[in-house]
Protein backbone atom coordinates (compact mmCIF):
# COMPACT_ATOMS: atom_id res chain seq x y z
CA UNK A 1 138.32 84.80 -21.69
CA UNK A 2 135.64 83.12 -23.73
CA UNK A 3 133.66 86.65 -23.65
CA UNK A 4 136.57 87.61 -25.60
CA UNK A 5 136.89 84.78 -27.56
CA UNK A 6 133.12 84.57 -28.75
CA UNK A 7 133.64 88.43 -29.75
CA UNK A 8 136.60 87.80 -31.80
CA UNK A 9 135.16 84.83 -33.45
CA UNK A 10 132.02 86.76 -34.57
CA UNK A 11 134.49 90.20 -35.33
CA UNK A 12 136.92 87.95 -38.25
CA UNK A 13 133.90 86.35 -38.86
CA UNK A 14 131.57 89.31 -40.08
CA UNK A 15 134.24 90.38 -41.88
CA UNK A 16 134.61 87.97 -44.45
CA UNK A 17 130.32 85.97 -44.50
CA UNK A 18 127.83 86.63 -45.89
CA UNK A 19 124.62 85.08 -45.50
CA UNK A 20 123.31 83.12 -47.48
CA UNK A 21 119.22 82.07 -48.30
CA UNK A 22 118.43 78.85 -49.66
CA UNK A 23 115.15 79.54 -52.33
CA UNK A 24 111.97 77.03 -52.16
CA UNK A 25 109.11 76.32 -54.48
CA UNK A 26 106.36 78.69 -52.92
CA UNK A 27 103.10 76.51 -51.94
CA UNK A 28 100.39 77.28 -54.47
CA UNK A 29 97.48 77.42 -53.73
CA UNK A 30 93.81 77.66 -54.71
CA UNK A 31 91.18 80.37 -52.96
CA UNK A 32 89.27 77.94 -53.06
CA UNK A 33 91.36 75.82 -51.15
CA UNK A 34 89.90 74.69 -47.40
CA UNK A 35 93.43 73.11 -46.02
CA UNK A 36 95.37 74.90 -44.26
CA UNK A 37 98.89 74.61 -46.45
CA UNK A 38 102.59 74.87 -44.81
CA UNK A 39 104.41 78.28 -44.74
CA UNK A 40 107.48 78.81 -44.34
CA UNK A 41 107.80 77.47 -40.52
CA UNK A 42 106.89 74.18 -40.98
CA UNK A 43 109.24 73.97 -43.95
CA UNK A 44 111.83 72.14 -41.58
CA UNK A 45 114.64 71.77 -44.03
CA UNK A 46 114.83 75.94 -44.09
CA UNK A 47 113.83 77.09 -41.26
CA UNK A 48 116.82 75.89 -39.07
CA UNK A 49 119.54 76.19 -41.78
CA UNK A 50 122.53 78.57 -40.17
CA UNK A 51 124.46 79.56 -42.67
CA UNK A 52 128.04 80.40 -43.14
CA UNK A 53 129.64 82.60 -46.28
CA UNK A 54 128.78 80.63 -49.14
CA UNK A 55 128.80 84.21 -51.43
CA UNK A 56 129.83 83.15 -55.12
CA UNK A 57 129.81 86.90 -56.09
CA UNK A 58 132.25 87.29 -59.44
CA UNK A 59 132.46 83.16 -59.59
CA UNK A 60 130.70 80.80 -62.09
CA UNK A 61 130.19 77.23 -61.65
CA UNK A 62 131.47 76.30 -64.57
CA UNK A 63 134.30 78.19 -66.39
CA UNK A 64 134.13 77.45 -70.31
CA UNK A 65 136.72 78.77 -73.07
CA UNK A 66 135.62 81.88 -74.41
CA UNK A 67 135.64 81.76 -78.11
CA UNK A 68 136.88 85.04 -78.59
CA UNK A 69 140.59 86.61 -77.99
CA UNK A 70 138.86 88.98 -75.12
CA UNK A 71 139.87 86.87 -71.36
CA UNK A 72 138.72 88.43 -68.06
CA UNK A 73 139.64 86.94 -64.74
CA UNK A 74 137.59 86.78 -61.82
CA UNK A 75 138.94 88.14 -59.11
CA UNK A 76 137.98 88.73 -55.37
CA UNK A 77 139.82 90.38 -52.50
CA UNK A 78 139.34 87.86 -49.88
CA UNK A 79 140.20 87.97 -46.29
CA UNK A 80 142.91 85.24 -44.67
CA UNK A 81 143.85 86.29 -41.33
CA UNK A 82 142.12 88.54 -38.81
CA UNK A 83 144.35 90.14 -35.52
CA UNK A 84 142.94 91.63 -32.55
CA UNK A 85 145.19 93.90 -30.70
CA UNK A 86 144.18 95.72 -27.05
CA UNK A 87 145.46 99.31 -27.06
CA UNK A 88 149.01 98.32 -25.78
CA UNK A 89 149.83 95.92 -29.13
CA UNK A 90 149.65 92.91 -27.49
CA UNK A 91 147.52 90.22 -29.08
CA UNK A 92 144.02 89.05 -27.74
CA UNK A 93 142.99 86.60 -30.59
CA UNK A 94 144.09 85.64 -34.53
CA UNK A 95 142.25 83.78 -37.11
CA UNK A 96 143.06 82.36 -39.50
CA UNK A 97 141.18 81.37 -43.07
CA UNK A 98 141.77 78.45 -45.25
CA UNK A 99 139.74 79.22 -48.79
CA UNK A 100 138.54 76.92 -51.91
CA UNK A 101 139.47 78.15 -55.13
CA UNK A 102 136.54 79.59 -55.39
CA UNK A 103 137.16 81.83 -53.08
CA UNK A 104 134.65 80.40 -50.12
CA UNK A 105 135.82 79.14 -46.68
CA UNK A 106 137.21 76.04 -46.51
CA UNK A 107 138.36 75.92 -42.34
CA UNK A 108 138.28 79.24 -40.20
CA UNK A 109 140.99 79.01 -37.04
CA UNK A 110 140.69 81.05 -33.96
CA UNK A 111 143.07 81.17 -30.95
CA UNK A 112 142.99 83.65 -27.65
CA UNK A 113 145.62 84.65 -26.29
CA UNK A 114 146.57 85.36 -22.56
CA UNK A 115 150.00 87.47 -22.58
CA UNK A 116 151.04 86.07 -25.73
CA UNK A 117 150.18 82.78 -24.90
CA UNK A 118 147.61 80.91 -26.02
CA UNK A 119 144.70 79.50 -23.91
CA UNK A 120 141.89 78.11 -25.81
CA UNK A 121 140.35 78.21 -29.56
CA UNK A 122 138.39 76.61 -32.06
CA UNK A 123 137.87 75.44 -35.26
CA UNK A 124 135.15 75.74 -37.54
CA UNK A 125 135.33 73.45 -41.28
CA UNK A 126 133.01 73.60 -44.33
CA UNK A 127 132.40 71.35 -46.99
CA UNK A 128 130.84 72.22 -50.63
CA UNK A 129 129.01 70.05 -53.48
CA UNK A 130 130.15 70.33 -56.88
CA UNK A 131 127.47 73.49 -57.32
CA UNK A 132 129.50 75.72 -54.34
CA UNK A 133 125.97 75.22 -52.10
CA UNK A 134 127.44 74.37 -48.62
CA UNK A 135 127.02 70.40 -47.39
CA UNK A 136 128.78 69.83 -44.13
CA UNK A 137 129.31 72.52 -41.17
CA UNK A 138 131.81 71.35 -38.46
CA UNK A 139 132.65 73.02 -35.51
CA UNK A 140 135.12 72.11 -32.81
CA UNK A 141 136.46 72.98 -29.58
CA UNK A 142 139.94 73.11 -28.26
CA UNK A 143 140.53 70.19 -25.93
CA UNK A 144 144.48 70.47 -25.41
CA UNK A 145 146.83 72.96 -26.46
CA UNK A 146 148.11 74.48 -29.13
CA UNK A 147 146.09 72.59 -31.52
CA UNK A 148 144.35 70.06 -30.77
CA UNK A 149 140.57 69.79 -31.32
CA UNK A 150 137.54 67.97 -31.07
CA UNK A 151 133.98 67.73 -32.92
CA UNK A 152 131.26 69.04 -31.28
CA UNK A 153 128.07 70.34 -33.20
CA UNK A 154 127.93 69.34 -37.04
CA UNK A 155 125.37 70.46 -39.55
CA UNK A 156 124.69 68.39 -43.43
CA UNK A 157 122.56 69.54 -46.20
CA UNK A 158 121.98 67.14 -48.80
CA UNK A 159 120.39 68.15 -52.12
CA UNK A 160 118.53 66.63 -55.25
CA UNK A 161 119.04 66.52 -58.84
CA UNK A 162 116.81 69.18 -59.21
CA UNK A 163 118.53 71.67 -56.59
CA UNK A 164 115.95 70.56 -54.10
CA UNK A 165 117.13 70.67 -50.35
CA UNK A 166 116.18 66.54 -49.36
CA UNK A 167 117.97 66.42 -46.01
CA UNK A 168 118.84 68.58 -42.84
CA UNK A 169 120.74 67.47 -39.87
CA UNK A 170 122.20 69.09 -37.09
CA UNK A 171 124.19 66.93 -34.48
CA UNK A 172 126.06 67.83 -30.68
CA UNK A 173 129.27 65.76 -29.79
CA UNK A 174 130.62 64.81 -26.54
CA UNK A 175 133.92 65.02 -25.28
CA UNK A 176 134.63 61.57 -26.60
CA UNK A 177 132.95 62.74 -30.35
CA UNK A 178 129.95 60.72 -29.62
CA UNK A 179 126.68 61.90 -30.43
CA UNK A 180 124.57 63.39 -27.41
CA UNK A 181 122.16 65.30 -29.19
CA UNK A 182 120.29 65.37 -33.00
CA UNK A 183 118.04 66.48 -35.20
CA UNK A 184 117.42 65.40 -38.99
CA UNK A 185 115.06 65.99 -41.71
CA UNK A 186 114.47 63.73 -44.59
CA UNK A 187 112.48 65.81 -47.84
CA UNK A 188 110.92 64.31 -50.69
CA UNK A 189 109.47 66.17 -53.87
CA UNK A 190 107.44 65.00 -56.97
CA UNK A 191 108.54 65.40 -60.66
CA UNK A 192 107.09 69.10 -60.64
CA UNK A 193 109.28 69.76 -57.68
CA UNK A 194 106.34 70.26 -55.36
CA UNK A 195 107.61 69.16 -51.86
CA UNK A 196 105.66 65.87 -50.93
CA UNK A 197 107.18 64.58 -47.20
CA UNK A 198 108.81 65.58 -44.75
CA UNK A 199 110.15 63.62 -41.85
CA UNK A 200 112.07 65.28 -38.41
CA UNK A 201 113.48 62.29 -36.73
CA UNK A 202 115.22 63.64 -33.00
CA UNK A 203 118.72 61.49 -31.82
CA UNK A 204 116.79 60.09 -28.13
CA UNK A 205 119.02 57.34 -26.17
CA UNK A 206 121.32 56.36 -28.80
CA UNK A 207 119.19 56.23 -31.84
CA UNK A 208 117.44 58.22 -34.24
CA UNK A 209 113.64 57.90 -33.51
CA UNK A 210 110.39 59.38 -35.44
CA UNK A 211 109.41 62.85 -34.20
CA UNK A 212 106.59 64.19 -36.66
CA UNK A 213 105.96 63.68 -40.11
CA UNK A 214 104.48 65.76 -42.95
CA UNK A 215 102.79 64.79 -46.40
CA UNK A 216 101.37 66.68 -49.18
CA UNK A 217 99.59 65.44 -52.13
CA UNK A 218 99.41 67.71 -55.10
CA UNK A 219 97.45 68.19 -58.52
CA UNK A 220 99.47 70.08 -60.97
CA UNK A 221 100.97 73.14 -58.54
CA UNK A 222 97.65 73.25 -56.78
CA UNK A 223 98.02 71.50 -53.11
CA UNK A 224 94.89 69.24 -52.55
CA UNK A 225 96.10 67.17 -49.85
CA UNK A 226 98.10 68.01 -46.33
CA UNK A 227 98.63 65.02 -43.06
CA UNK A 228 100.64 64.90 -40.30
CA UNK A 229 101.98 62.44 -37.92
CA UNK A 230 103.64 62.68 -34.46
CA UNK A 231 103.36 61.12 -31.04
CA UNK A 232 106.15 58.05 -32.62
CA UNK A 233 105.46 54.38 -30.58
CA UNK A 234 109.05 53.49 -30.94
CA UNK A 235 108.48 50.48 -28.71
CA UNK A 236 105.37 49.34 -31.75
CA UNK A 237 107.14 51.62 -34.50
CA UNK A 238 104.38 53.21 -35.28
CA UNK A 239 102.57 56.59 -34.97
CA UNK A 240 99.78 57.26 -32.74
CA UNK A 241 98.32 60.94 -33.83
CA UNK A 242 97.84 62.09 -36.99
CA UNK A 243 95.29 64.54 -38.64
CA UNK A 244 94.72 64.81 -42.54
CA UNK A 245 92.62 67.51 -44.58
CA UNK A 246 91.69 67.32 -48.15
CA UNK A 247 90.40 69.54 -50.94
CA UNK A 248 90.32 68.32 -54.75
CA UNK A 249 90.13 70.23 -57.48
CA UNK A 250 87.09 68.60 -60.08
CA UNK A 251 87.53 66.57 -62.35
CA UNK A 252 84.84 65.07 -64.44
CA UNK A 253 84.23 61.56 -64.74
CA UNK A 254 85.31 60.99 -61.55
CA UNK A 255 84.47 61.27 -57.46
CA UNK A 256 85.77 64.05 -55.83
CA UNK A 257 86.40 64.76 -52.14
CA UNK A 258 85.24 68.00 -52.26
CA UNK A 259 86.08 68.91 -48.38
CA UNK A 260 87.14 65.99 -45.57
CA UNK A 261 89.16 65.60 -42.24
CA UNK A 262 90.36 62.32 -41.18
CA UNK A 263 92.09 61.27 -37.84
CA UNK A 264 94.43 58.38 -37.37
CA UNK A 265 93.69 55.21 -35.83
CA UNK A 266 96.72 53.93 -34.02
CA UNK A 267 95.16 50.47 -33.67
CA UNK A 268 93.92 50.00 -37.07
CA UNK A 269 96.83 51.94 -38.36
CA UNK A 270 94.40 54.07 -41.01
CA UNK A 271 92.31 57.04 -41.27
CA UNK A 272 88.99 57.77 -39.50
CA UNK A 273 86.72 60.10 -41.30
CA UNK A 274 85.88 63.13 -39.08
CA UNK A 275 84.00 64.67 -41.86
CA UNK A 276 83.89 63.86 -45.18
CA UNK A 277 81.77 65.68 -48.08
CA UNK A 278 81.60 64.06 -51.56
CA UNK A 279 80.76 64.93 -55.26
CA UNK A 280 81.27 63.28 -58.57
CA UNK A 281 80.47 65.04 -62.54
CA UNK A 282 79.87 62.73 -65.64
CA UNK A 283 81.95 62.89 -68.48
CA UNK A 284 79.19 66.03 -69.44
CA UNK A 285 79.70 67.85 -66.42
CA UNK A 286 76.30 66.33 -65.19
CA UNK A 287 76.03 66.26 -61.41
CA UNK A 288 75.79 62.44 -60.09
CA UNK A 289 76.70 62.05 -56.77
CA UNK A 290 76.44 64.18 -53.23
CA UNK A 291 77.53 62.76 -49.97
CA UNK A 292 78.35 64.07 -47.07
CA UNK A 293 79.33 62.06 -43.30
CA UNK A 294 80.28 63.42 -40.32
CA UNK A 295 81.56 61.78 -36.75
CA UNK A 296 78.95 61.87 -33.75
CA UNK A 297 79.36 60.96 -30.08
CA UNK A 298 77.07 57.92 -31.09
CA UNK A 299 78.78 56.98 -34.73
CA UNK A 300 78.11 58.61 -38.11
CA UNK A 301 75.80 60.65 -39.52
CA UNK A 302 74.63 61.56 -43.19
CA UNK A 303 73.04 61.81 -46.00
CA UNK A 304 73.53 60.59 -50.04
CA UNK A 305 72.08 60.76 -53.10
CA UNK A 306 73.96 58.84 -56.11
CA UNK A 307 72.07 59.10 -59.98
CA UNK A 308 72.62 56.44 -62.79
CA UNK A 309 72.04 56.62 -66.28
CA UNK A 310 69.76 53.54 -66.95
CA UNK A 311 68.86 54.42 -70.23
CA UNK A 312 69.51 57.69 -73.01
CA UNK A 313 65.79 58.61 -71.06
CA UNK A 314 65.88 57.01 -68.27
CA UNK A 315 67.50 57.41 -64.96
CA UNK A 316 67.24 56.93 -61.25
CA UNK A 317 68.22 58.33 -58.32
CA UNK A 318 68.82 56.45 -54.94
CA UNK A 319 68.76 58.51 -52.15
CA UNK A 320 70.81 56.91 -48.79
CA UNK A 321 71.23 57.20 -44.88
CA UNK A 322 73.82 56.88 -43.14
CA UNK A 323 73.16 53.58 -40.60
CA UNK A 324 75.49 52.67 -37.29
CA UNK A 325 73.67 49.36 -37.55
CA UNK A 326 75.27 48.01 -40.24
CA UNK A 327 78.22 50.66 -40.54
CA UNK A 328 77.14 51.16 -44.20
CA UNK A 329 74.87 53.53 -46.34
CA UNK A 330 71.16 52.24 -46.24
CA UNK A 331 68.53 53.42 -49.14
CA UNK A 332 65.68 54.81 -48.23
CA UNK A 333 63.81 55.89 -51.63
CA UNK A 334 64.81 56.01 -55.46
CA UNK A 335 63.24 58.00 -58.06
CA UNK A 336 62.58 56.86 -61.85
CA UNK A 337 63.42 59.83 -63.56
CA UNK A 338 61.82 59.71 -67.47
CA UNK A 339 62.84 62.74 -70.11
CA UNK A 340 61.08 63.30 -73.11
CA UNK A 341 63.42 63.94 -76.49
CA UNK A 342 64.43 67.14 -75.09
CA UNK A 343 65.89 66.14 -71.72
CA UNK A 344 63.10 67.45 -70.06
CA UNK A 345 61.42 65.71 -66.56
CA UNK A 346 57.99 64.34 -67.84
CA UNK A 347 57.41 61.91 -65.56
CA UNK A 348 59.16 60.74 -61.89
CA UNK A 349 58.15 57.96 -59.90
CA UNK A 350 58.90 57.36 -56.60
CA UNK A 351 59.49 53.86 -54.32
CA UNK A 352 60.44 52.89 -51.10
CA UNK A 353 63.69 50.61 -50.64
CA UNK A 354 61.16 48.10 -50.92
CA UNK A 355 60.20 48.79 -54.29
CA UNK A 356 56.76 49.26 -52.74
CA UNK A 357 55.47 52.89 -54.88
CA UNK A 358 55.00 56.23 -53.33
CA UNK A 359 53.77 58.23 -55.63
CA UNK A 360 54.35 59.32 -59.69
CA UNK A 361 54.28 63.40 -60.86
CA UNK A 362 53.82 63.79 -64.62
CA UNK A 363 55.35 66.66 -66.11
CA UNK A 364 54.31 69.14 -68.71
CA UNK A 365 56.52 71.17 -70.84
CA UNK A 366 56.09 73.56 -73.66
CA UNK A 367 58.61 76.02 -75.30
CA UNK A 368 58.46 79.59 -74.52
CA UNK A 369 60.39 82.44 -75.44
CA UNK A 370 61.24 84.89 -72.49
CA UNK A 371 64.01 87.01 -73.89
CA UNK A 372 66.86 86.93 -75.89
CA UNK A 373 70.27 87.17 -74.33
CA UNK A 374 72.86 89.12 -76.46
CA UNK A 375 76.63 87.73 -75.99
CA UNK A 376 79.82 89.24 -77.08
CA UNK A 377 81.20 87.52 -80.51
CA UNK A 378 83.60 84.24 -79.44
CA UNK A 379 87.39 83.83 -80.87
CA UNK A 380 89.42 81.41 -81.46
CA UNK A 381 92.62 83.33 -80.20
CA UNK A 382 96.70 81.64 -79.91
CA UNK A 383 100.03 81.43 -80.57
CA UNK A 384 98.94 81.53 -84.29
CA UNK A 385 96.84 84.53 -84.02
CA UNK A 386 99.50 86.83 -84.73
CA UNK A 387 100.57 86.80 -81.31
CA UNK A 388 97.10 86.30 -79.41
CA UNK A 389 94.98 88.97 -81.24
CA UNK A 390 91.60 88.80 -82.04
CA UNK A 391 91.40 88.89 -85.52
CA UNK A 392 87.74 88.58 -87.76
CA UNK A 393 88.72 85.08 -89.16
CA UNK A 394 89.07 83.55 -86.20
CA UNK A 395 85.59 85.25 -85.11
CA UNK A 396 83.12 81.59 -84.38
CA UNK A 397 79.94 81.40 -86.30
CA UNK A 398 77.04 82.06 -84.05
CA UNK A 399 74.74 78.90 -84.61
CA UNK A 400 71.67 79.98 -82.81
CA UNK A 401 71.60 78.43 -79.68
CA UNK A 402 75.22 79.40 -77.79
CA UNK A 403 76.93 77.40 -80.20
CA UNK A 404 79.81 78.79 -82.21
CA UNK A 405 81.64 77.24 -84.70
CA UNK A 406 84.82 77.42 -87.00
CA UNK A 407 85.84 75.67 -90.37
CA UNK A 408 89.07 75.33 -91.87
CA UNK A 409 91.48 75.99 -88.98
CA UNK A 410 95.19 74.96 -88.46
CA UNK A 411 96.80 73.99 -84.69
CA UNK A 412 100.07 73.29 -84.83
CA UNK A 413 101.46 70.33 -81.87
CA UNK A 414 102.77 72.34 -79.40
CA UNK A 415 100.56 75.61 -80.03
CA UNK A 416 98.41 77.64 -77.48
CA UNK A 417 95.18 78.35 -77.68
CA UNK A 418 92.20 79.44 -76.14
CA UNK A 419 88.32 80.83 -77.17
CA UNK A 420 87.29 83.94 -75.36
CA UNK A 421 85.35 87.29 -75.95
CA UNK A 422 87.78 90.44 -76.85
CA UNK A 423 86.97 91.96 -73.44
CA UNK A 424 88.82 88.47 -71.76
CA UNK A 425 85.74 88.47 -69.09
CA UNK A 426 82.50 87.12 -70.62
CA UNK A 427 83.92 84.58 -72.25
CA UNK A 428 87.20 82.57 -71.64
CA UNK A 429 87.48 78.70 -72.29
CA UNK A 430 90.81 76.93 -71.24
CA UNK A 431 91.46 74.08 -69.36
CA UNK A 432 92.21 73.18 -65.66
CA UNK A 433 95.93 73.84 -65.54
CA UNK A 434 99.36 74.71 -67.43
CA UNK A 435 100.78 71.26 -69.07
CA UNK A 436 97.12 70.00 -69.70
CA UNK A 437 97.22 68.15 -73.18
CA UNK A 438 93.58 67.83 -74.16
CA UNK A 439 92.34 64.97 -77.25
CA UNK A 440 90.83 65.88 -80.04
CA UNK A 441 88.73 62.79 -80.56
CA UNK A 442 86.27 63.55 -78.38
CA UNK A 443 84.54 65.78 -76.17
CA UNK A 444 86.16 68.32 -73.85
CA UNK A 445 84.59 70.24 -71.10
CA UNK A 446 87.07 73.45 -70.47
CA UNK A 447 87.36 74.92 -67.34
CA UNK A 448 86.10 78.77 -67.30
CA UNK A 449 89.72 81.56 -67.20
CA UNK A 450 91.62 78.14 -67.50
CA UNK A 451 95.02 77.97 -68.51
CA UNK A 452 95.94 77.87 -72.35
CA UNK A 453 95.11 75.12 -74.30
CA UNK A 454 97.31 72.87 -75.88
CA UNK A 455 95.87 69.49 -78.38
CA UNK A 456 97.55 65.89 -77.67
CA UNK A 457 98.66 64.91 -81.35
CA UNK A 458 101.29 63.62 -82.89
CA UNK A 459 101.40 64.93 -85.84
CA UNK A 460 102.97 68.31 -86.34
CA UNK A 461 99.52 69.96 -86.87
CA UNK A 462 96.44 69.10 -87.54
CA UNK A 463 93.37 70.98 -89.90
CA UNK A 464 90.47 70.81 -88.09
CA UNK A 465 87.39 70.76 -90.46
CA UNK A 466 85.01 72.12 -87.83
CA UNK A 467 85.98 73.11 -84.23
CA UNK A 468 82.59 73.36 -82.31
CA UNK A 469 81.98 75.44 -78.89
CA UNK A 470 79.12 75.40 -76.70
CA UNK A 471 80.07 79.05 -75.27
CA UNK A 472 77.87 79.32 -72.08
CA UNK A 473 78.65 75.29 -71.44
CA UNK A 474 81.96 75.32 -72.44
CA UNK A 475 81.65 72.07 -73.76
CA UNK A 476 84.16 72.00 -77.31
CA UNK A 477 84.25 69.47 -80.12
CA UNK A 478 87.25 68.77 -82.99
CA UNK A 479 86.15 67.29 -86.30
CA UNK A 480 89.24 66.56 -88.30
CA UNK A 481 89.47 65.87 -91.86
CA UNK A 482 89.76 62.26 -92.83
CA UNK A 483 93.08 60.87 -93.66
CA UNK A 484 93.54 59.89 -97.36
CA UNK A 485 91.45 56.58 -97.78
CA UNK A 486 94.24 54.93 -99.12
CA UNK A 487 96.75 54.93 -96.29
CA UNK A 488 94.65 55.76 -92.55
CA UNK A 489 98.79 56.72 -91.26
CA UNK A 490 98.04 59.88 -89.84
CA UNK A 491 101.92 60.48 -89.96
CA UNK A 492 102.44 60.13 -93.68
CA UNK A 493 101.63 63.34 -96.00
CA UNK A 494 97.87 63.33 -97.17
CA UNK A 495 96.57 65.19 -99.92
CA UNK A 496 92.94 65.00 -101.13
CA UNK A 497 89.98 66.93 -101.83
CA UNK A 498 86.95 67.34 -100.25
CA UNK A 499 83.38 69.23 -100.45
CA UNK A 500 85.33 71.67 -103.23
CA UNK A 501 88.47 72.21 -100.34
CA UNK A 502 91.88 70.90 -101.02
CA UNK A 503 93.40 69.37 -97.64
CA UNK A 504 96.75 68.99 -97.41
CA UNK A 505 98.10 67.09 -94.08
CA UNK A 506 101.25 67.03 -91.95
CA UNK A 507 103.22 69.05 -94.14
CA UNK A 508 104.72 71.90 -93.86
CA UNK A 509 105.49 73.03 -97.68
CA UNK A 510 102.09 73.15 -99.57
CA UNK A 511 101.56 74.51 -103.62
CA UNK A 512 98.35 74.48 -105.53
CA UNK A 513 99.04 75.19 -109.20
CA UNK A 514 96.12 75.27 -111.48
CA UNK A 515 95.92 73.20 -115.11
CA UNK A 516 97.62 76.27 -116.24
CA UNK A 517 100.40 76.57 -113.90
CA UNK A 518 99.44 79.43 -111.88
CA UNK A 519 100.50 78.77 -108.48
CA UNK A 520 96.72 79.18 -106.52
CA UNK A 521 97.52 78.73 -102.75
CA UNK A 522 100.20 78.10 -100.09
CA UNK A 523 97.69 76.70 -97.51
CA UNK A 524 97.22 73.17 -95.73
CA UNK A 525 93.03 74.09 -96.68
CA UNK A 526 92.56 76.00 -100.36
CA UNK A 527 88.89 76.28 -101.31
CA UNK A 528 88.96 76.13 -105.04
CA UNK A 529 86.65 76.25 -108.21
CA UNK A 530 85.48 72.80 -109.76
CA UNK A 531 88.59 71.93 -112.12
CA UNK A 532 92.21 70.17 -112.88
CA UNK A 533 94.73 70.92 -109.91
CA UNK A 534 98.35 69.90 -109.38
CA UNK A 535 99.48 70.02 -105.46
CA UNK A 536 102.77 69.68 -104.28
CA UNK A 537 104.02 68.94 -100.42
CA UNK A 538 106.15 66.94 -98.53
CA UNK A 539 108.08 65.71 -101.76
CA UNK A 540 104.60 64.30 -102.93
CA UNK A 541 102.86 65.68 -106.77
CA UNK A 542 99.32 64.43 -106.50
CA UNK A 543 96.93 65.76 -109.81
CA UNK A 544 92.99 66.11 -107.83
CA UNK A 545 90.16 66.82 -110.13
CA UNK A 546 87.73 68.83 -108.06
CA UNK A 547 83.65 68.07 -108.81
């Protein structure tokens, strides 16, 4: 009888059910990332789902009234009953389906028969949210003829406003409908819909007890950190085992964990270093620190050097070794490095930790021509250059030292651009990640083969007097025209003349007329001859005498 019940249920379900799969944001990894990232089998919220028929084919979530005369009725054949019979016509089982208004199964009731009499049955119920996603699945066994059922299992799903699954539970009940066993999982996401935490709890001895917890750290869409907690102590209410690994992206001006492996100290409830490599760069991209530390059988070993800029021409580099006696870094020696006006080291003074001198090293430098490197032209290319075309008017001027310049470039708010050679190989400078906005009032270190650049601006557009790029190092500077001297407010319309050019800022409709009334230009920056001009822009009319 039980076998017939199972076959009947599966047969009826197969006629009407289609499996539903829930999408999840893929883990974005960097080829150099040393972190072991999560695969789909570790995504507990997804790999434990057992889905019934949740197909929404031919049914839309919202049905606004169309603004036209043609009305199409959405129709679909939906199974409402299934009857299994023996060759002699005797009923073996029946299954009745109750559907929602969108054709989803709301309730499924199956009975088995023997000589025309009900002998067993089960009831399956489904609940959906306003987006027609399954949020509860309940399975009940028959406990008393003809139609008394008792809940045996219940599965629940919950979602956040972005559609990410944030909760899952699968609970089993005894004959009295008390929880006998179960698992539940909670999840959290950041603003980029990257999953940041999942915790799995198990129902044990009448209560929910944590079983495992994972956390992820993200820099944009790059996963730089992953950790796992396990072995929960339910008496002390704390995790007793954990592992964390880190591999951060490099950001100039801060210390970066290039690679790190850590273990959890249950007594101190803190992370203990197994191995850790740190690096740091200043805002100009010059490395100022390297550190490596490793746990050993007798404590730690490691070495570190740190460079500080004492003045524009003097750097102090200090060298350290890890000391288990003091449980910290102990300085061993330091260098005082002197640089000439060209940045070359012309004197090094080496000292012991107690400031006693070790030696001095004097260097002599001569400039020598070692040949010439030839690079392709570098272009300003982007949304505003005729759909990313390499145009001659946007070719950078070669300054002879690896630096190229552009003059009178107008960049609109939200407009993307890059600095690149027309082969997209030799030169290709962008930003580190999608959505990064760069400032224009200070030098910016760009990223090779990075993402499209967008400037952080409040105005609708900025015309830059000069854009300067070191095509070899990727350091860019943006020099904007000064605003109207009578109003430093950069958001107002500014019209002025400078260096033989008429400049209009923060206005879309620009018209420049000669003294005779002839239309000269409609551009934001117009090179003109000396003379009197009338400029109309943004509702303002200004007379300018260009000298």
